[in-house]
PDB file of all heavy atoms in Angstrom:
ATOM      1  N   GLU A   1      35.169  85.738 117.349  1.00  0.00           N
ATOM      2  CA  GLU A   1      35.025  87.123 117.907  1.00  0.00           C
ATOM      3  C   GLU A   1      35.698  88.072 116.913  1.00  0.00           C
ATOM      4  O   GLU A   1      36.854  87.771 116.420  1.00  0.00           O
ATOM      5  CB  GLU A   1      35.821  87.245 119.236  1.00  0.00           C
ATOM      6  CG  GLU A   1      35.116  86.649 120.376  1.00  0.00           C
ATOM      7  CD  GLU A   1      35.717  87.129 121.717  1.00  0.00           C
ATOM      8  OE1 GLU A   1      35.975  88.305 121.844  1.00  0.00           O
ATOM      9  OE2 GLU A   1      35.845  86.289 122.638  1.00  0.00           O
ATOM     10  N   GLY A   2      35.011  89.095 116.574  1.00  0.00           N
ATOM     11  CA  GLY A   2      35.604  90.129 115.684  1.00  0.00           C
ATOM     12  C   GLY A   2      36.053  91.310 116.524  1.00  0.00           C
ATOM     13  O   GLY A   2      36.241  91.191 117.738  1.00  0.00           O
ATOM     14  N   LYS A   3      36.387  92.440 115.855  1.00  0.00           N
ATOM     15  CA  LYS A   3      36.807  93.603 116.502  1.00  0.00           C
ATOM     16  C   LYS A   3      35.729  94.606 116.626  1.00  0.00           C
ATOM     17  O   LYS A   3      34.767  94.573 115.877  1.00  0.00           O
ATOM     18  CB  LYS A   3      38.012  94.217 115.676  1.00  0.00           C
ATOM     19  CG  LYS A   3      39.170  93.353 115.497  1.00  0.00           C
ATOM     20  CD  LYS A   3      40.284  94.007 114.657  1.00  0.00           C
ATOM     21  CE  LYS A   3      41.515  93.091 114.523  1.00  0.00           C
ATOM     22  NZ  LYS A   3      42.530  93.725 113.590  1.00  0.00           N
ATOM     23  N   ALA A   4      35.836  95.566 117.576  1.00  0.00           N
ATOM     24  CA  ALA A   4      34.863  96.594 117.737  1.00  0.00           C
ATOM     25  C   ALA A   4      34.668  97.427 116.442  1.00  0.00           C
ATOM     26  O   ALA A   4      33.613  97.870 116.193  1.00  0.00           O
ATOM     27  CB  ALA A   4      35.192  97.424 118.917  1.00  0.00           C
ATOM     28  N   SER A   5      35.758  97.532 115.713  1.00  0.00           N
ATOM     29  CA  SER A   5      35.696  98.390 114.428  1.00  0.00           C
ATOM     30  C   SER A   5      35.079  97.686 113.348  1.00  0.00           C
ATOM     31  O   SER A   5      34.788  98.291 112.251  1.00  0.00           O
ATOM     32  CB  SER A   5      37.159  98.818 114.087  1.00  0.00           C
ATOM     33  OG  SER A   5      38.008  97.648 113.890  1.00  0.00           O
ATOM     34  N   ASP A   6      34.843  96.308 113.455  1.00  0.00           N
ATOM     35  CA  ASP A   6      34.124  95.609 112.411  1.00  0.00           C
ATOM     36  C   ASP A   6      32.666  96.064 112.331  1.00  0.00           C
ATOM     37  O   ASP A   6      32.180  96.701 113.285  1.00  0.00           O
ATOM     38  CB  ASP A   6      34.145  94.095 112.725  1.00  0.00           C
ATOM     39  CG  ASP A   6      35.570  93.460 112.558  1.00  0.00           C
ATOM     40  OD1 ASP A   6      36.381  94.132 111.838  1.00  0.00           O
ATOM     41  OD2 ASP A   6      35.745  92.438 113.173  1.00  0.00           O
ATOM     42  N   ILE A   7      32.028  95.745 111.256  1.00  0.00           N
ATOM     43  CA  ILE A   7      30.545  96.075 111.172  1.00  0.00           C
ATOM     44  C   ILE A   7      29.751  95.042 111.920  1.00  0.00           C
ATOM     45  O   ILE A   7      28.907  95.369 112.818  1.00  0.00           O
ATOM     46  CB  ILE A   7      30.121  96.161 109.734  1.00  0.00           C
ATOM     47  CG1 ILE A   7      30.863  97.205 108.992  1.00  0.00           C
ATOM     48  CG2 ILE A   7      28.599  96.476 109.594  1.00  0.00           C
ATOM     49  CD1 ILE A   7      30.767  98.644 109.603  1.00  0.00           C
ATOM     50  N   SER A   8      29.967  93.743 111.682  1.00  0.00           N
ATOM     51  CA  SER A   8      29.233  92.737 112.264  1.00  0.00           C
ATOM     52  C   SER A   8      29.883  91.317 112.083  1.00  0.00           C
ATOM     53  O   SER A   8      30.657  91.179 111.154  1.00  0.00           O
ATOM     54  CB  SER A   8      27.799  92.635 111.809  1.00  0.00           C
ATOM     55  OG  SER A   8      27.791  92.252 110.414  1.00  0.00           O
ATOM     56  N   ILE A   9      29.480  90.404 113.000  1.00  0.00           N
ATOM     57  CA  ILE A   9      29.924  89.004 112.888  1.00  0.00           C
ATOM     58  C   ILE A   9      28.708  88.155 112.853  1.00  0.00           C
ATOM     59  O   ILE A   9      27.750  88.359 113.551  1.00  0.00           O
ATOM     60  CB  ILE A   9      30.832  88.586 114.060  1.00  0.00           C
ATOM     61  CG1 ILE A   9      32.044  89.506 114.255  1.00  0.00           C
ATOM     62  CG2 ILE A   9      31.244  87.148 113.963  1.00  0.00           C
ATOM     63  CD1 ILE A   9      32.943  89.520 113.049  1.00  0.00           C
ATOM     64  N   SER A  10      28.718  87.182 111.877  1.00  0.00           N
ATOM     65  CA  SER A  10      27.477  86.269 111.828  1.00  0.00           C
ATOM     66  C   SER A  10      27.937  84.846 111.570  1.00  0.00           C
ATOM     67  O   SER A  10      29.047  84.651 110.948  1.00  0.00           O
ATOM     68  CB  SER A  10      26.517  86.789 110.745  1.00  0.00           C
ATOM     69  OG  SER A  10      27.200  86.795 109.513  1.00  0.00           O
ATOM     70  N   ALA A  11      27.136  83.897 111.921  1.00  0.00           N
ATOM     71  CA  ALA A  11      27.412  82.442 111.685  1.00  0.00           C
ATOM     72  C   ALA A  11      26.115  81.817 111.207  1.00  0.00           C
ATOM     73  O   ALA A  11      25.014  82.152 111.694  1.00  0.00           O
ATOM     74  CB  ALA A  11      28.001  81.788 112.899  1.00  0.00           C
ATOM     75  N   TRP A  12      26.212  80.741 110.416  1.00  0.00           N
ATOM     76  CA  TRP A  12      24.997  80.096 109.960  1.00  0.00           C
ATOM     77  C   TRP A  12      25.333  78.645 109.566  1.00  0.00           C
ATOM     78  O   TRP A  12      26.455  78.302 109.282  1.00  0.00           O
ATOM     79  CB  TRP A  12      24.307  80.896 108.835  1.00  0.00           C
ATOM     80  CG  TRP A  12      25.080  80.905 107.559  1.00  0.00           C
ATOM     81  CD1 TRP A  12      24.978  80.090 106.434  1.00  0.00           C
ATOM     82  CD2 TRP A  12      26.032  81.984 107.190  1.00  0.00           C
ATOM     83  NE1 TRP A  12      25.879  80.520 105.464  1.00  0.00           N
ATOM     84  CE2 TRP A  12      26.466  81.617 105.855  1.00  0.00           C
ATOM     85  CE3 TRP A  12      26.570  83.072 107.825  1.00  0.00           C
ATOM     86  CZ2 TRP A  12      27.465  82.431 105.242  1.00  0.00           C
ATOM     87  CZ3 TRP A  12      27.501  83.826 107.206  1.00  0.00           C
ATOM     88  CH2 TRP A  12      27.934  83.531 105.881  1.00  0.00           C
ATOM     89  N   HIS A  13      24.304  77.833 109.409  1.00  0.00           N
ATOM     90  CA  HIS A  13      24.389  76.453 109.110  1.00  0.00           C
ATOM     91  C   HIS A  13      23.707  76.197 107.764  1.00  0.00           C
ATOM     92  O   HIS A  13      22.500  76.631 107.623  1.00  0.00           O
ATOM     93  CB  HIS A  13      23.765  75.589 110.154  1.00  0.00           C
ATOM     94  CG  HIS A  13      23.795  74.121 109.857  1.00  0.00           C
ATOM     95  ND1 HIS A  13      24.942  73.408 109.796  1.00  0.00           N
ATOM     96  CD2 HIS A  13      22.783  73.213 109.594  1.00  0.00           C
ATOM     97  CE1 HIS A  13      24.646  72.119 109.552  1.00  0.00           C
ATOM     98  NE2 HIS A  13      23.314  71.971 109.422  1.00  0.00           N
ATOM     99  N   ASP A  14      24.397  75.588 106.859  1.00  0.00           N
ATOM    100  CA  ASP A  14      23.732  75.190 105.545  1.00  0.00           C
ATOM    101  C   ASP A  14      23.307  73.728 105.673  1.00  0.00           C
ATOM    102  O   ASP A  14      24.047  72.838 105.873  1.00  0.00           O
ATOM    103  CB  ASP A  14      24.812  75.298 104.456  1.00  0.00           C
ATOM    104  CG  ASP A  14      24.267  74.962 103.080  1.00  0.00           C
ATOM    105  OD1 ASP A  14      23.155  74.447 102.917  1.00  0.00           O
ATOM    106  OD2 ASP A  14      24.984  75.244 102.092  1.00  0.00           O
ATOM    107  N   ARG A  15      21.955  73.524 105.536  1.00  0.00           N
ATOM    108  CA  ARG A  15      21.332  72.248 105.762  1.00  0.00           C
ATOM    109  C   ARG A  15      21.243  71.379 104.499  1.00  0.00           C
ATOM    110  O   ARG A  15      20.579  70.340 104.531  1.00  0.00           O
ATOM    111  CB  ARG A  15      20.012  72.447 106.355  1.00  0.00           C
ATOM    112  CG  ARG A  15      19.961  73.112 107.723  1.00  0.00           C
ATOM    113  CD  ARG A  15      18.572  73.434 108.213  1.00  0.00           C
ATOM    114  NE  ARG A  15      17.788  72.178 108.262  1.00  0.00           N
ATOM    115  CZ  ARG A  15      17.859  71.274 109.271  1.00  0.00           C
ATOM    116  NH1 ARG A  15      18.650  71.492 110.264  1.00  0.00           N
ATOM    117  NH2 ARG A  15      17.124  70.193 109.232  1.00  0.00           N
ATOM    118  N   THR A  16      21.744  71.829 103.395  1.00  0.00           N
ATOM    119  CA  THR A  16      21.612  71.064 102.089  1.00  0.00           C
ATOM    120  C   THR A  16      22.077  69.630 102.269  1.00  0.00           C
ATOM    121  O   THR A  16      23.231  69.410 102.611  1.00  0.00           O
ATOM    122  CB  THR A  16      22.459  71.773 100.980  1.00  0.00           C
ATOM    123  OG1 THR A  16      22.073  73.115 100.881  1.00  0.00           O
ATOM    124  CG2 THR A  16      22.206  71.019  99.680  1.00  0.00           C
ATOM    125  N   PRO A  17      21.235  68.663 102.057  1.00  0.00           N
ATOM    126  CA  PRO A  17      21.583  67.292 102.256  1.00  0.00           C
ATOM    127  C   PRO A  17      22.793  66.905 101.465  1.00  0.00           C
ATOM    128  O   PRO A  17      22.870  67.111 100.259  1.00  0.00           O
ATOM    129  CB  PRO A  17      20.302  66.510 101.771  1.00  0.00           C
ATOM    130  CG  PRO A  17      19.228  67.442 101.991  1.00  0.00           C
ATOM    131  CD  PRO A  17      19.726  68.815 101.691  1.00  0.00           C
ATOM    132  N   GLY A  18      23.746  66.219 102.104  1.00  0.00           N
ATOM    133  CA  GLY A  18      24.977  65.822 101.430  1.00  0.00           C
ATOM    134  C   GLY A  18      26.045  66.941 101.355  1.00  0.00           C
ATOM    135  O   GLY A  18      27.190  66.615 101.046  1.00  0.00           O
ATOM    136  N   PHE A  19      25.615  68.146 101.728  1.00  0.00           N
ATOM    137  CA  PHE A  19      26.569  69.328 101.684  1.00  0.00           C
ATOM    138  C   PHE A  19      26.458  70.147 102.907  1.00  0.00           C
ATOM    139  O   PHE A  19      26.595  71.366 102.791  1.00  0.00           O
ATOM    140  CB  PHE A  19      26.328  70.110 100.409  1.00  0.00           C
ATOM    141  CG  PHE A  19      26.528  69.325  99.106  1.00  0.00           C
ATOM    142  CD1 PHE A  19      25.499  68.821  98.408  1.00  0.00           C
ATOM    143  CD2 PHE A  19      27.810  69.291  98.550  1.00  0.00           C
ATOM    144  CE1 PHE A  19      25.691  68.100  97.266  1.00  0.00           C
ATOM    145  CE2 PHE A  19      28.062  68.574  97.400  1.00  0.00           C
ATOM    146  CZ  PHE A  19      27.015  67.978  96.710  1.00  0.00           C
ATOM    147  N   GLU A  20      26.106  69.556 104.059  1.00  0.00           N
ATOM    148  CA  GLU A  20      25.952  70.306 105.295  1.00  0.00           C
ATOM    149  C   GLU A  20      27.276  71.006 105.622  1.00  0.00           C
ATOM    150  O   GLU A  20      28.298  70.358 105.686  1.00  0.00           O
ATOM    151  CB  GLU A  20      25.563  69.377 106.433  1.00  0.00           C
ATOM    152  CG  GLU A  20      24.108  68.802 106.237  1.00  0.00           C
ATOM    153  CD  GLU A  20      24.107  67.454 105.446  1.00  0.00           C
ATOM    154  OE1 GLU A  20      25.177  67.184 104.850  1.00  0.00           O
ATOM    155  OE2 GLU A  20      23.089  66.812 105.458  1.00  0.00           O
ATOM    156  N   ARG A  21      27.111  72.327 105.810  1.00  0.00           N
ATOM    157  CA  ARG A  21      28.356  73.090 106.153  1.00  0.00           C
ATOM    158  C   ARG A  21      27.970  74.212 107.098  1.00  0.00           C
ATOM    159  O   ARG A  21      26.825  74.617 107.244  1.00  0.00           O
ATOM    160  CB  ARG A  21      28.939  73.723 104.891  1.00  0.00           C
ATOM    161  CG  ARG A  21      29.405  72.801 103.761  1.00  0.00           C
ATOM    162  CD  ARG A  21      30.084  73.650 102.678  1.00  0.00           C
ATOM    163  NE  ARG A  21      30.469  72.795 101.563  1.00  0.00           N
ATOM    164  CZ  ARG A  21      29.773  72.791 100.390  1.00  0.00           C
ATOM    165  NH1 ARG A  21      28.693  73.559 100.213  1.00  0.00           N
ATOM    166  NH2 ARG A  21      30.220  72.025  99.384  1.00  0.00           N
ATOM    167  N   ASP A  22      28.983  74.704 107.828  1.00  0.00           N
ATOM    168  CA  ASP A  22      28.823  75.871 108.713  1.00  0.00           C
ATOM    169  C   ASP A  22      29.813  76.955 108.260  1.00  0.00           C
ATOM    170  O   ASP A  22      30.894  76.658 107.902  1.00  0.00           O
ATOM    171  CB  ASP A  22      29.101  75.381 110.172  1.00  0.00           C
ATOM    172  CG  ASP A  22      28.171  74.379 110.663  1.00  0.00           C
ATOM    173  OD1 ASP A  22      28.369  73.171 110.496  1.00  0.00           O
ATOM    174  OD2 ASP A  22      27.160  74.796 111.268  1.00  0.00           O
ATOM    175  N   PHE A  23      29.288  78.134 108.425  1.00  0.00           N
ATOM    176  CA  PHE A  23      30.083  79.335 107.983  1.00  0.00           C
ATOM    177  C   PHE A  23      30.029  80.429 109.000  1.00  0.00           C
ATOM    178  O   PHE A  23      29.128  80.568 109.837  1.00  0.00           O
ATOM    179  CB  PHE A  23      29.457  79.905 106.710  1.00  0.00           C
ATOM    180  CG  PHE A  23      29.572  79.003 105.493  1.00  0.00           C
ATOM    181  CD1 PHE A  23      28.553  78.160 105.131  1.00  0.00           C
ATOM    182  CD2 PHE A  23      30.728  78.966 104.695  1.00  0.00           C
ATOM    183  CE1 PHE A  23      28.588  77.375 103.997  1.00  0.00           C
ATOM    184  CE2 PHE A  23      30.820  78.186 103.612  1.00  0.00           C
ATOM    185  CZ  PHE A  23      29.753  77.317 103.277  1.00  0.00           C
ATOM    186  N   VAL A  24      31.136  81.257 108.957  1.00  0.00           N
ATOM    187  CA  VAL A  24      31.232  82.476 109.759  1.00  0.00           C
ATOM    188  C   VAL A  24      31.615  83.564 108.765  1.00  0.00           C
ATOM    189  O   VAL A  24      32.466  83.328 107.940  1.00  0.00           O
ATOM    190  CB  VAL A  24      32.289  82.286 110.868  1.00  0.00           C
ATOM    191  CG1 VAL A  24      32.618  83.710 111.429  1.00  0.00           C
ATOM    192  CG2 VAL A  24      31.800  81.451 111.977  1.00  0.00           C
ATOM    193  N   GLN A  25      31.019  84.761 109.020  1.00  0.00           N
ATOM    194  CA  GLN A  25      31.367  85.866 108.215  1.00  0.00           C
ATOM    195  C   GLN A  25      31.743  87.041 109.096  1.00  0.00           C
ATOM    196  O   GLN A  25      30.989  87.350 110.008  1.00  0.00           O
ATOM    197  CB  GLN A  25      30.226  86.270 107.236  1.00  0.00           C
ATOM    198  CG  GLN A  25      30.629  87.477 106.392  1.00  0.00           C
ATOM    199  CD  GLN A  25      29.540  87.764 105.332  1.00  0.00           C
ATOM    200  OE1 GLN A  25      29.515  87.147 104.259  1.00  0.00           O
ATOM    201  NE2 GLN A  25      28.701  88.700 105.611  1.00  0.00           N
TER     202      GLN A  25
END
């Protein structure tokens, strides 16, 4: 959860085999 004053919050999954990762920005 971000703040109302932030611009946006996003999350994504990197499916690269052997390097699977999840990120939030």
